[in-house]
N, C-alpha and C. Protein backbone atom coordinates (compact mmCIF):
# COMPACT_ATOMS: atom_id res chain seq x y z
N MET A 1 13.19 -20.76 4.58
CA MET A 1 13.94 -19.68 4.62
C MET A 1 15.02 -19.64 5.88
N ASP A 2 16.17 -19.23 5.49
CA ASP A 2 17.02 -19.35 6.45
C ASP A 2 16.95 -18.11 7.65
N THR A 3 16.73 -16.97 7.06
CA THR A 3 16.86 -15.91 8.16
C THR A 3 15.58 -15.05 8.19
N LEU A 4 15.46 -14.45 9.26
CA LEU A 4 14.24 -13.32 9.40
C LEU A 4 14.19 -12.38 8.32
N SER A 5 15.44 -11.85 8.01
CA SER A 5 15.70 -10.88 7.02
C SER A 5 15.29 -11.19 5.63
N GLU A 6 15.59 -12.57 5.33
CA GLU A 6 15.11 -13.10 4.04
C GLU A 6 13.59 -13.21 3.87
N GLN A 7 13.01 -13.59 5.08
CA GLN A 7 11.48 -13.73 5.21
C GLN A 7 11.01 -12.33 5.03
N PHE A 8 11.43 -11.23 5.80
CA PHE A 8 10.98 -9.95 5.58
C PHE A 8 11.12 -9.42 4.29
N GLY A 9 12.31 -9.72 3.58
CA GLY A 9 12.53 -9.38 2.14
C GLY A 9 11.36 -9.64 1.28
N GLN A 10 10.72 -10.95 1.45
CA GLN A 10 9.68 -11.30 0.57
C GLN A 10 8.43 -10.35 1.09
N ILE A 11 8.19 -10.17 2.27
CA ILE A 11 7.17 -9.33 2.61
C ILE A 11 7.44 -7.95 2.14
N TYR A 12 8.57 -7.44 2.15
CA TYR A 12 8.90 -6.08 1.46
C TYR A 12 8.58 -6.12 0.08
N ASP A 13 9.09 -7.17 -0.59
CA ASP A 13 8.70 -7.15 -2.08
C ASP A 13 7.39 -7.27 -2.40
N ARG A 14 6.58 -7.84 -1.63
CA ARG A 14 4.95 -8.02 -1.83
C ARG A 14 4.35 -6.70 -1.63
N TYR A 15 4.81 -5.95 -0.62
CA TYR A 15 3.93 -4.80 -0.11
C TYR A 15 4.56 -3.38 -0.34
N ILE A 16 5.81 -3.29 -0.83
CA ILE A 16 6.48 -2.10 -1.01
C ILE A 16 5.71 -1.03 -1.94
N ASP A 17 5.28 -1.53 -3.16
CA ASP A 17 4.45 -0.67 -4.01
C ASP A 17 3.15 -0.30 -3.42
N LYS A 18 2.36 -1.22 -2.68
CA LYS A 18 1.26 -0.87 -2.08
C LYS A 18 1.23 0.25 -1.12
N ILE A 19 2.35 0.01 -0.07
CA ILE A 19 2.42 0.93 1.08
C ILE A 19 2.76 2.33 0.53
N TYR A 20 3.71 2.40 -0.53
CA TYR A 20 4.06 3.53 -1.09
C TYR A 20 2.85 4.26 -1.63
N ARG A 21 2.25 3.59 -2.53
CA ARG A 21 1.06 4.11 -3.12
C ARG A 21 -0.02 4.79 -2.00
N PHE A 22 -0.18 4.14 -1.07
CA PHE A 22 -1.13 4.37 0.03
C PHE A 22 -0.53 5.66 0.70
N VAL A 23 0.82 5.79 1.13
CA VAL A 23 1.19 6.90 1.63
C VAL A 23 1.21 8.16 0.81
N TYR A 24 1.65 7.90 -0.55
CA TYR A 24 1.67 8.88 -1.45
C TYR A 24 0.43 9.55 -1.78
N LEU A 25 -0.68 8.82 -1.81
CA LEU A 25 -2.02 9.26 -1.83
C LEU A 25 -2.45 10.26 -0.70
N LYS A 26 -1.89 9.93 0.34
CA LYS A 26 -2.21 10.78 1.54
C LYS A 26 -1.32 11.91 1.67
N VAL A 27 -0.12 12.00 1.29
CA VAL A 27 0.82 13.29 1.33
C VAL A 27 1.04 13.95 0.19
N SER A 28 0.80 13.59 -0.98
CA SER A 28 1.12 14.10 -2.34
C SER A 28 2.24 14.63 -2.47
N SER A 29 3.44 13.85 -1.95
CA SER A 29 4.81 14.36 -2.14
C SER A 29 5.68 13.08 -2.27
N GLN A 30 6.29 13.01 -3.37
CA GLN A 30 7.07 11.79 -3.74
C GLN A 30 8.19 11.73 -2.63
N GLU A 31 8.87 12.77 -2.32
CA GLU A 31 9.90 12.90 -1.31
C GLU A 31 9.43 12.34 0.08
N ILE A 32 8.29 12.84 0.43
CA ILE A 32 7.78 12.53 1.88
C ILE A 32 7.35 11.09 1.93
N ALA A 33 6.64 10.69 0.70
CA ALA A 33 6.19 9.39 0.63
C ALA A 33 7.25 8.37 0.74
N GLU A 34 8.24 8.62 0.10
CA GLU A 34 9.60 7.67 0.09
C GLU A 34 9.95 7.57 1.47
N ASP A 35 10.18 8.79 2.04
CA ASP A 35 10.69 8.91 3.57
C ASP A 35 9.80 8.08 4.44
N ILE A 36 8.52 8.46 4.55
CA ILE A 36 7.58 7.74 5.41
C ILE A 36 7.61 6.11 5.00
N THR A 37 7.48 5.61 3.69
CA THR A 37 7.54 4.41 3.34
C THR A 37 8.78 3.77 3.92
N SER A 38 9.83 4.33 3.87
CA SER A 38 11.26 3.60 4.26
C SER A 38 11.08 3.52 5.88
N ARG A 39 10.38 4.46 6.55
CA ARG A 39 10.35 4.41 7.87
C ARG A 39 9.44 3.27 8.45
N VAL A 40 8.39 3.06 7.46
CA VAL A 40 7.33 1.99 7.75
C VAL A 40 8.03 0.60 7.67
N PHE A 41 8.78 0.57 6.61
CA PHE A 41 9.46 -0.77 6.52
C PHE A 41 10.46 -1.09 7.63
N LEU A 42 11.22 -0.06 7.96
CA LEU A 42 12.24 -0.21 8.97
C LEU A 42 11.42 -0.54 10.29
N LYS A 43 10.45 0.18 10.75
CA LYS A 43 9.67 -0.26 11.94
C LYS A 43 9.08 -1.73 11.71
N GLY A 44 8.56 -1.95 10.41
CA GLY A 44 8.09 -3.39 10.28
C GLY A 44 9.09 -4.33 10.35
N LEU A 45 10.23 -4.25 10.06
CA LEU A 45 11.42 -5.19 10.24
C LEU A 45 11.74 -5.31 11.53
N GLU A 46 11.78 -4.11 12.37
CA GLU A 46 12.06 -4.26 13.83
C GLU A 46 11.13 -5.22 14.48
N ALA A 47 9.83 -4.89 14.19
CA ALA A 47 8.84 -5.45 14.92
C ALA A 47 8.78 -7.06 14.52
N PHE A 48 9.11 -7.38 13.18
CA PHE A 48 9.20 -8.71 12.68
C PHE A 48 10.29 -9.59 13.32
N GLN A 49 11.45 -8.81 13.60
CA GLN A 49 12.46 -9.48 14.21
C GLN A 49 12.07 -9.82 15.67
N ARG A 50 11.46 -8.77 16.41
CA ARG A 50 11.10 -8.84 17.81
C ARG A 50 10.26 -10.03 17.88
N ALA A 51 9.29 -10.16 17.04
CA ALA A 51 8.21 -11.32 17.01
C ALA A 51 8.81 -12.48 16.38
N LYS A 52 10.02 -12.54 16.07
CA LYS A 52 10.68 -13.82 15.44
C LYS A 52 9.99 -14.29 14.33
N GLY A 53 9.49 -13.33 13.41
CA GLY A 53 8.71 -13.75 12.20
C GLY A 53 7.38 -14.24 12.45
N GLU A 54 6.57 -14.03 13.50
CA GLU A 54 5.32 -14.56 13.96
C GLU A 54 4.30 -13.61 13.72
N LEU A 55 4.38 -12.66 12.90
CA LEU A 55 3.41 -11.74 12.63
C LEU A 55 2.04 -12.46 11.77
N LYS A 56 0.77 -12.27 12.33
CA LYS A 56 -0.31 -13.00 11.75
C LYS A 56 -0.56 -12.49 10.39
N ASN A 57 -0.71 -11.09 10.24
CA ASN A 57 -1.09 -10.41 9.04
C ASN A 57 -0.05 -9.35 8.80
N PRO A 58 1.12 -9.53 8.14
CA PRO A 58 2.06 -8.54 7.88
C PRO A 58 1.66 -7.38 7.23
N GLY A 59 0.70 -7.70 6.08
CA GLY A 59 0.05 -6.48 5.32
C GLY A 59 -0.67 -5.53 6.30
N ALA A 60 -1.51 -5.99 7.01
CA ALA A 60 -2.42 -5.33 7.85
C ALA A 60 -1.56 -4.42 8.82
N PHE A 61 -0.47 -4.94 9.37
CA PHE A 61 0.43 -4.50 10.24
C PHE A 61 1.23 -3.35 9.65
N LEU A 62 1.70 -3.59 8.29
CA LEU A 62 2.28 -2.58 7.72
C LEU A 62 1.34 -1.28 7.26
N TYR A 63 0.22 -1.55 6.90
CA TYR A 63 -0.77 -0.42 6.60
C TYR A 63 -1.05 0.26 7.98
N GLN A 64 -1.17 -0.51 9.12
CA GLN A 64 -1.31 0.20 10.28
C GLN A 64 -0.10 1.23 10.69
N ILE A 65 1.00 0.78 10.44
CA ILE A 65 2.18 1.60 10.74
C ILE A 65 2.11 2.66 9.80
N ALA A 66 1.79 2.41 8.51
CA ALA A 66 1.86 3.77 7.53
C ALA A 66 0.71 4.65 7.93
N ARG A 67 -0.43 4.31 8.26
CA ARG A 67 -1.48 5.13 8.83
C ARG A 67 -1.11 5.89 9.95
N ASN A 68 -0.36 5.27 10.88
CA ASN A 68 -0.06 6.02 11.93
C ASN A 68 0.94 7.06 11.59
N MET A 69 2.11 6.72 10.80
CA MET A 69 3.14 7.75 10.47
C MET A 69 2.65 8.89 9.59
N VAL A 70 1.52 8.55 8.74
CA VAL A 70 0.99 9.82 7.99
C VAL A 70 0.36 10.58 8.97
N ILE A 71 -0.56 10.07 9.95
CA ILE A 71 -1.05 10.87 11.00
C ILE A 71 0.06 11.89 11.59
N ASP A 72 1.10 10.98 12.03
CA ASP A 72 2.18 11.75 12.83
C ASP A 72 2.84 12.69 11.87
N HIS A 73 2.93 12.53 10.69
CA HIS A 73 3.38 13.53 9.65
C HIS A 73 2.67 14.91 9.71
N TYR A 74 1.35 14.71 9.67
CA TYR A 74 0.41 15.96 9.63
C TYR A 74 0.43 16.50 10.90
N ARG A 75 0.44 15.80 11.79
CA ARG A 75 0.54 16.31 13.38
C ARG A 75 1.78 17.29 13.58
N ALA A 76 2.92 16.74 12.92
CA ALA A 76 4.13 17.56 13.17
C ALA A 76 4.12 18.78 12.12
N LYS A 77 3.36 18.77 11.03
CA LYS A 77 3.35 19.77 10.23
C LYS A 77 2.13 20.98 10.56
N GLY A 78 1.37 20.38 11.66
CA GLY A 78 0.26 21.16 12.07
C GLY A 78 -0.74 21.42 11.04
N ARG A 79 -0.91 20.42 9.91
CA ARG A 79 -1.92 20.70 8.92
C ARG A 79 -3.13 19.76 9.11
N SER A 80 -4.26 20.01 8.53
CA SER A 80 -5.45 19.16 8.79
C SER A 80 -5.84 18.38 7.54
N LYS A 81 -5.08 18.83 6.49
CA LYS A 81 -5.44 18.00 5.25
C LYS A 81 -4.93 16.67 5.32
N THR A 82 -5.64 15.78 4.92
CA THR A 82 -5.21 14.31 5.20
C THR A 82 -5.00 13.52 3.73
N VAL A 83 -5.71 14.07 2.59
CA VAL A 83 -5.63 13.17 1.44
C VAL A 83 -5.57 14.22 0.22
N SER A 84 -4.75 13.97 -0.56
CA SER A 84 -4.67 14.74 -1.90
C SER A 84 -4.34 13.67 -2.85
N ILE A 85 -5.22 13.24 -3.62
CA ILE A 85 -5.06 12.26 -4.68
C ILE A 85 -4.49 12.77 -5.87
N GLU A 86 -3.09 12.48 -6.07
CA GLU A 86 -2.46 12.84 -7.22
C GLU A 86 -2.47 11.69 -8.36
N VAL A 87 -3.01 11.90 -9.40
CA VAL A 87 -3.22 10.92 -10.66
C VAL A 87 -2.32 11.44 -11.55
N SER A 88 -1.08 10.83 -11.93
CA SER A 88 -0.28 11.21 -13.01
C SER A 88 -0.79 11.24 -14.29
N PRO A 89 -0.63 12.33 -14.99
CA PRO A 89 -0.95 12.42 -16.50
C PRO A 89 -0.61 11.32 -17.26
N GLN A 90 0.74 10.65 -16.87
CA GLN A 90 1.15 9.48 -17.61
C GLN A 90 0.36 8.16 -17.50
N MET A 91 -0.72 8.17 -16.52
CA MET A 91 -1.66 7.08 -16.51
C MET A 91 -2.73 7.06 -17.69
N ALA A 92 -2.82 8.04 -18.19
CA ALA A 92 -3.82 8.32 -19.25
C ALA A 92 -3.53 7.50 -20.39
N ASP A 93 -4.33 7.03 -21.03
CA ASP A 93 -4.18 6.13 -22.37
C ASP A 93 -3.40 7.19 -23.50
N PRO A 94 -2.26 6.56 -23.99
CA PRO A 94 -1.48 7.38 -24.86
C PRO A 94 -2.21 8.02 -26.27
N GLY A 95 -3.39 7.12 -26.52
CA GLY A 95 -4.25 7.40 -27.58
C GLY A 95 -5.29 8.44 -27.33
N THR A 96 -5.34 9.05 -26.11
CA THR A 96 -6.42 9.87 -25.64
C THR A 96 -6.06 11.27 -26.14
N SER A 97 -7.04 12.01 -26.74
CA SER A 97 -6.76 13.44 -27.28
C SER A 97 -6.45 14.26 -26.18
N ALA A 98 -5.96 15.42 -26.47
CA ALA A 98 -5.48 16.54 -25.48
C ALA A 98 -6.92 17.10 -24.99
N GLN A 99 -7.80 17.20 -25.61
CA GLN A 99 -9.20 17.63 -25.10
C GLN A 99 -9.71 16.71 -24.08
N ASP A 100 -9.69 15.21 -24.43
CA ASP A 100 -10.13 14.25 -23.46
C ASP A 100 -9.21 14.18 -22.21
N LYS A 101 -7.93 14.49 -22.31
CA LYS A 101 -7.05 14.52 -21.17
C LYS A 101 -7.40 15.74 -20.26
N ALA A 102 -7.57 16.84 -21.06
CA ALA A 102 -7.97 17.91 -20.05
C ALA A 102 -9.37 17.65 -19.24
N ILE A 103 -10.30 17.14 -19.88
CA ILE A 103 -11.63 16.81 -19.31
C ILE A 103 -11.44 15.72 -18.20
N LEU A 104 -10.40 14.71 -18.49
CA LEU A 104 -10.23 13.77 -17.39
C LEU A 104 -9.43 14.53 -16.28
N ASN A 105 -8.45 15.38 -16.47
CA ASN A 105 -7.80 16.20 -15.43
C ASN A 105 -8.78 17.02 -14.64
N ALA A 106 -9.79 17.65 -15.34
CA ALA A 106 -10.79 18.39 -14.50
C ALA A 106 -11.45 17.52 -13.69
N ASP A 107 -11.85 16.35 -14.20
CA ASP A 107 -12.81 15.34 -13.49
C ASP A 107 -12.11 15.03 -12.24
N ILE A 108 -10.82 14.73 -12.39
CA ILE A 108 -9.86 14.05 -11.25
C ILE A 108 -9.79 15.32 -10.17
N GLU A 109 -9.56 16.47 -10.62
CA GLU A 109 -9.45 17.64 -9.60
C GLU A 109 -10.78 17.74 -8.88
N VAL A 110 -11.94 17.51 -9.37
CA VAL A 110 -13.26 17.61 -8.62
C VAL A 110 -13.17 16.54 -7.68
N ILE A 111 -12.83 15.24 -8.17
CA ILE A 111 -13.03 14.02 -7.16
C ILE A 111 -12.01 14.34 -6.14
N LYS A 112 -10.63 14.90 -6.28
CA LYS A 112 -9.89 14.84 -5.34
C LYS A 112 -10.21 15.94 -4.24
N GLY A 113 -11.04 16.98 -4.62
CA GLY A 113 -11.48 17.98 -3.76
C GLY A 113 -12.55 17.37 -2.93
N ALA A 114 -13.49 16.54 -3.55
CA ALA A 114 -14.52 16.04 -2.74
C ALA A 114 -13.95 15.02 -1.62
N ILE A 115 -12.97 14.17 -2.23
CA ILE A 115 -12.54 13.07 -1.11
C ILE A 115 -11.95 13.84 -0.15
N THR A 116 -11.25 14.94 -0.20
CA THR A 116 -10.52 15.57 1.05
C THR A 116 -11.70 15.96 2.01
N LYS A 117 -12.91 16.08 1.68
CA LYS A 117 -13.92 16.63 2.57
C LYS A 117 -14.59 15.40 3.44
N LEU A 118 -14.18 14.25 3.15
CA LEU A 118 -14.64 12.97 3.71
C LEU A 118 -13.83 13.05 5.03
N LYS A 119 -14.26 12.11 5.95
CA LYS A 119 -13.72 11.65 7.22
C LYS A 119 -12.46 10.88 6.88
N LYS A 120 -11.42 10.80 7.67
CA LYS A 120 -10.28 10.06 7.41
C LYS A 120 -10.52 8.62 7.20
N ASP A 121 -11.43 8.02 8.03
CA ASP A 121 -11.61 6.66 7.88
C ASP A 121 -12.22 6.43 6.49
N GLN A 122 -13.23 7.32 6.08
CA GLN A 122 -13.81 7.10 4.78
C GLN A 122 -12.75 7.15 3.71
N GLN A 123 -12.04 8.21 3.70
CA GLN A 123 -10.86 8.33 2.76
C GLN A 123 -10.06 6.96 2.53
N ASP A 124 -9.72 6.49 3.67
CA ASP A 124 -8.91 5.21 3.77
C ASP A 124 -9.61 3.99 3.24
N ILE A 125 -10.80 4.06 3.40
CA ILE A 125 -11.68 2.90 2.93
C ILE A 125 -11.77 2.97 1.44
N ILE A 126 -12.09 4.12 0.83
CA ILE A 126 -12.21 4.39 -0.53
C ILE A 126 -10.88 4.03 -1.24
N ILE A 127 -9.82 4.65 -0.79
CA ILE A 127 -8.51 4.30 -1.28
C ILE A 127 -8.24 2.78 -1.31
N TRP A 128 -8.40 2.15 -0.11
CA TRP A 128 -8.03 0.79 -0.11
C TRP A 128 -9.00 -0.13 -1.03
N TYR A 129 -10.20 0.13 -1.02
CA TYR A 129 -11.19 -0.57 -1.80
C TYR A 129 -11.07 -0.44 -3.21
N TYR A 130 -11.14 0.86 -3.66
CA TYR A 130 -11.32 1.12 -5.06
C TYR A 130 -9.88 1.17 -5.72
N LEU A 131 -8.88 1.80 -5.10
CA LEU A 131 -7.48 2.01 -5.76
C LEU A 131 -6.44 0.87 -5.38
N GLU A 132 -6.60 0.07 -4.24
CA GLU A 132 -5.77 -0.90 -3.86
C GLU A 132 -6.48 -2.33 -4.03
N ASP A 133 -7.70 -2.14 -4.40
CA ASP A 133 -8.43 -3.40 -4.63
C ASP A 133 -8.47 -4.45 -3.39
N MET A 134 -8.64 -3.85 -2.41
CA MET A 134 -8.47 -4.56 -1.14
C MET A 134 -9.98 -5.28 -0.88
N LYS A 135 -10.03 -6.41 -0.28
CA LYS A 135 -11.34 -6.80 0.01
C LYS A 135 -11.93 -6.16 1.44
N ILE A 136 -13.19 -6.40 1.66
CA ILE A 136 -13.89 -5.79 2.85
C ILE A 136 -13.23 -6.48 3.92
N GLU A 137 -12.92 -7.71 4.02
CA GLU A 137 -12.43 -8.38 5.09
C GLU A 137 -11.03 -7.93 5.41
N GLU A 138 -10.26 -7.58 4.40
CA GLU A 138 -8.90 -7.01 4.74
C GLU A 138 -9.01 -5.52 5.33
N ILE A 139 -9.91 -4.72 4.80
CA ILE A 139 -10.14 -3.41 5.36
C ILE A 139 -10.56 -3.64 6.72
N ALA A 140 -11.37 -4.55 7.08
CA ALA A 140 -11.96 -4.69 8.41
C ALA A 140 -10.75 -4.96 9.44
N VAL A 141 -9.99 -5.74 8.97
CA VAL A 141 -8.75 -6.19 9.70
C VAL A 141 -7.90 -5.09 9.92
N LEU A 142 -7.50 -4.18 9.03
CA LEU A 142 -6.80 -2.96 9.26
C LEU A 142 -7.43 -1.97 10.06
N LEU A 143 -8.78 -1.83 10.04
CA LEU A 143 -9.54 -0.82 10.75
C LEU A 143 -9.92 -1.39 12.14
N LYS A 144 -9.75 -2.71 12.34
CA LYS A 144 -10.32 -3.40 13.49
C LYS A 144 -11.66 -3.04 13.80
N LYS A 145 -12.44 -3.45 12.77
CA LYS A 145 -13.82 -3.06 12.71
C LYS A 145 -14.42 -4.31 12.06
N SER A 146 -15.73 -4.44 12.29
CA SER A 146 -16.43 -5.64 11.62
C SER A 146 -16.71 -5.52 9.99
N GLU A 147 -16.74 -6.48 9.48
CA GLU A 147 -16.97 -6.51 7.90
C GLU A 147 -18.18 -5.53 7.63
N GLY A 148 -19.20 -5.80 8.44
CA GLY A 148 -20.51 -5.02 8.24
C GLY A 148 -20.30 -3.72 8.46
N THR A 149 -19.51 -3.22 9.45
CA THR A 149 -19.35 -1.81 9.70
C THR A 149 -18.52 -1.30 8.61
N VAL A 150 -17.39 -1.93 7.99
CA VAL A 150 -16.80 -1.34 6.97
C VAL A 150 -17.50 -1.30 5.68
N ARG A 151 -18.57 -2.30 5.47
CA ARG A 151 -19.44 -2.31 4.35
C ARG A 151 -20.44 -1.01 4.45
N VAL A 152 -20.99 -0.59 5.59
CA VAL A 152 -21.78 0.47 5.79
C VAL A 152 -21.02 1.72 5.65
N ALA A 153 -19.81 1.68 6.20
CA ALA A 153 -18.91 3.01 5.97
C ALA A 153 -18.67 3.29 4.53
N LEU A 154 -18.30 2.22 3.89
CA LEU A 154 -18.00 2.24 2.43
C LEU A 154 -19.14 2.88 1.62
N HIS A 155 -20.33 2.33 1.91
CA HIS A 155 -21.63 2.75 1.23
C HIS A 155 -21.93 4.21 1.75
N ARG A 156 -21.65 4.54 3.01
CA ARG A 156 -22.05 5.99 3.31
C ARG A 156 -20.85 6.84 2.66
N ALA A 157 -19.57 6.47 2.76
CA ALA A 157 -18.65 7.44 2.18
C ALA A 157 -18.91 7.67 0.71
N MET A 158 -19.27 6.66 -0.15
CA MET A 158 -19.79 6.93 -1.51
C MET A 158 -20.93 7.44 -1.87
N LYS A 159 -21.81 7.53 -0.97
CA LYS A 159 -23.11 8.27 -0.88
C LYS A 159 -22.61 9.83 -0.68
N GLU A 160 -21.96 10.08 0.32
CA GLU A 160 -21.46 11.28 0.59
C GLU A 160 -20.75 11.99 -0.63
N LEU A 161 -19.76 11.20 -1.06
CA LEU A 161 -18.82 11.65 -2.09
C LEU A 161 -19.73 11.88 -3.37
N ARG A 162 -20.76 11.04 -3.65
CA ARG A 162 -21.63 11.53 -4.80
C ARG A 162 -22.41 12.79 -4.50
N GLU A 163 -22.80 13.02 -3.41
CA GLU A 163 -23.42 14.21 -3.00
C GLU A 163 -22.53 15.51 -3.25
N LEU A 164 -21.35 15.20 -2.93
CA LEU A 164 -20.33 16.30 -3.02
C LEU A 164 -19.96 16.60 -4.49
N LEU A 165 -20.11 15.64 -5.35
CA LEU A 165 -19.86 15.81 -6.72
C LEU A 165 -21.04 16.52 -7.44
């Protein structure tokens, strides 16, 4: 690679959709998610250039920036809600009947409500593990916790979620 900008361009291409989805699941607004995501990558680029391209784990670094910016967003808004998972109706199978779609949407609303009652770290772990298909090892790096701690936290979060459902 010739320049740091080109190197970061590859990181951007690899993580843009993942970071946007993570932020969107936290803020439930396309406009706010786009704004935060763009600021995440701007801050990431600045750090990448300061480190002269020597970031060990750029994905973990970008997720940490995203987490912090989401927290800052809610602090600025004075809200306590941290997660609202919006699942677009377009994600449903086009062959699904209207009745099945209605049942699915009702189930999604129940799950969304239950997830918002979990602790912030539990919400993040569930999103990363089940929606982002991240491995326990990757989540442990993001949270700066041991893999065992993350496994236990995931197990507890799922247990609490089942109790809430």
